[in-house]
Protein backbone atom coordinates (compact mmCIF):
# COMPACT_ATOMS: atom_id res chain seq x y z
CA MET A 1 -56.28 -31.61 -98.51
CA PRO A 2 -52.38 -32.35 -97.00
CA GLU A 3 -51.80 -36.43 -97.07
CA LEU A 4 -48.89 -38.32 -95.38
CA ARG A 5 -46.40 -40.23 -97.09
CA ARG A 6 -43.50 -42.25 -96.36
CA ASN A 7 -40.20 -41.46 -97.60
CA LEU A 8 -38.82 -44.46 -99.00
CA ALA A 9 -35.06 -43.33 -98.43
CA THR A 10 -35.07 -42.32 -94.60
CA GLY A 11 -38.63 -44.38 -93.56
CA GLU A 12 -39.71 -40.98 -92.12
CA TRP A 13 -43.27 -39.39 -92.82
CA VAL A 14 -43.76 -36.44 -94.44
CA VAL A 15 -46.72 -33.68 -95.09
CA LEU A 16 -47.36 -32.99 -98.47
CA ALA A 17 -49.69 -30.24 -99.23
CA THR A 18 -49.71 -29.87 -102.99
CA GLU A 19 -52.51 -27.69 -103.04
CA ARG A 20 -50.30 -24.62 -101.44
CA ALA A 21 -47.99 -24.41 -104.49
CA LYS A 22 -51.29 -22.98 -106.31
CA ARG A 23 -50.67 -19.88 -104.48
CA PRO A 24 -47.59 -18.45 -105.93
CA GLU A 25 -49.41 -14.87 -106.77
CA ALA A 26 -49.55 -14.52 -102.91
CA PHE A 27 -45.74 -13.62 -103.01
CA SER A 28 -45.53 -11.37 -105.86
CA ARG A 29 -44.65 -7.56 -105.46
CA ARG A 30 -47.58 -5.57 -105.26
CA GLU A 31 -48.00 -1.79 -105.35
CA GLY A 32 -47.91 -0.04 -101.97
CA PRO A 33 -45.92 0.81 -99.18
CA GLY A 34 -42.39 -0.80 -99.01
CA PRO A 35 -41.05 -2.75 -96.07
CA ARG A 36 -39.33 0.58 -94.98
CA ASP A 37 -42.85 2.61 -95.27
CA LEU A 38 -44.48 0.60 -92.67
CA PRO A 39 -45.11 1.61 -89.03
CA ALA A 40 -43.18 0.22 -86.47
CA ARG A 41 -46.32 -0.88 -84.87
CA ALA A 42 -50.11 -1.65 -86.52
CA GLU A 43 -52.71 -1.46 -83.83
CA GLY A 44 -54.39 -4.28 -85.56
CA CYS A 45 -51.56 -6.22 -86.68
CA PRO A 46 -50.97 -9.87 -84.34
CA PHE A 47 -47.27 -9.77 -85.47
CA CYS A 48 -46.27 -6.40 -84.56
CA PRO A 49 -44.58 -5.51 -80.80
CA GLY A 50 -47.14 -4.88 -78.53
CA ASN A 51 -49.95 -6.84 -79.86
CA GLU A 52 -48.18 -9.94 -78.48
CA SER A 53 -51.62 -11.05 -76.75
CA MET A 54 -53.22 -11.39 -80.30
CA THR A 55 -51.25 -14.48 -81.08
CA PRO A 56 -50.85 -18.00 -79.24
CA PRO A 57 -48.06 -17.73 -76.63
CA THR A 58 -44.62 -17.16 -77.36
CA LEU A 59 -42.45 -20.46 -78.04
CA ALA A 60 -38.98 -18.90 -78.56
CA GLN A 61 -38.02 -15.27 -79.11
CA THR A 62 -34.84 -13.36 -79.65
CA GLY A 63 -34.63 -10.06 -77.64
CA GLU A 64 -36.14 -9.33 -74.34
CA GLY A 65 -39.78 -8.32 -73.33
CA SER A 66 -41.65 -6.96 -75.92
CA ALA A 67 -37.95 -5.80 -77.87
CA TRP A 68 -38.18 -8.85 -79.38
CA ARG A 69 -36.86 -8.83 -82.96
CA VAL A 70 -38.02 -12.78 -83.96
CA ARG A 71 -40.80 -14.41 -82.18
CA VAL A 72 -41.93 -18.35 -82.79
CA VAL A 73 -45.73 -18.98 -81.84
CA ALA A 74 -47.56 -22.15 -82.71
CA ASN A 75 -49.59 -22.23 -86.31
CA ALA A 76 -52.78 -21.38 -85.87
CA TYR A 77 -53.72 -23.06 -89.18
CA GLY A 78 -51.49 -26.24 -89.05
CA ALA A 79 -51.50 -28.59 -91.81
CA VAL A 80 -52.65 -31.56 -90.00
CA ASP A 81 -54.79 -31.65 -87.02
């Protein structure tokens, strides 16, 4: 469960979610296709160009229209509600 703590040095409130550190295997290299072997667009992937309707509205992006390279969307599963 995330918790709020006050940074004694700056006085700012920060969110700590220590349980998220318990999942390092999520970032390990697995067998399977490498980044260059992946298709340009996967039908069910909400993060692929052309599937923008599957994500929250775009907050910012680089590139125009569906020719974007980076998109920023709100996190559907934020640490704090």
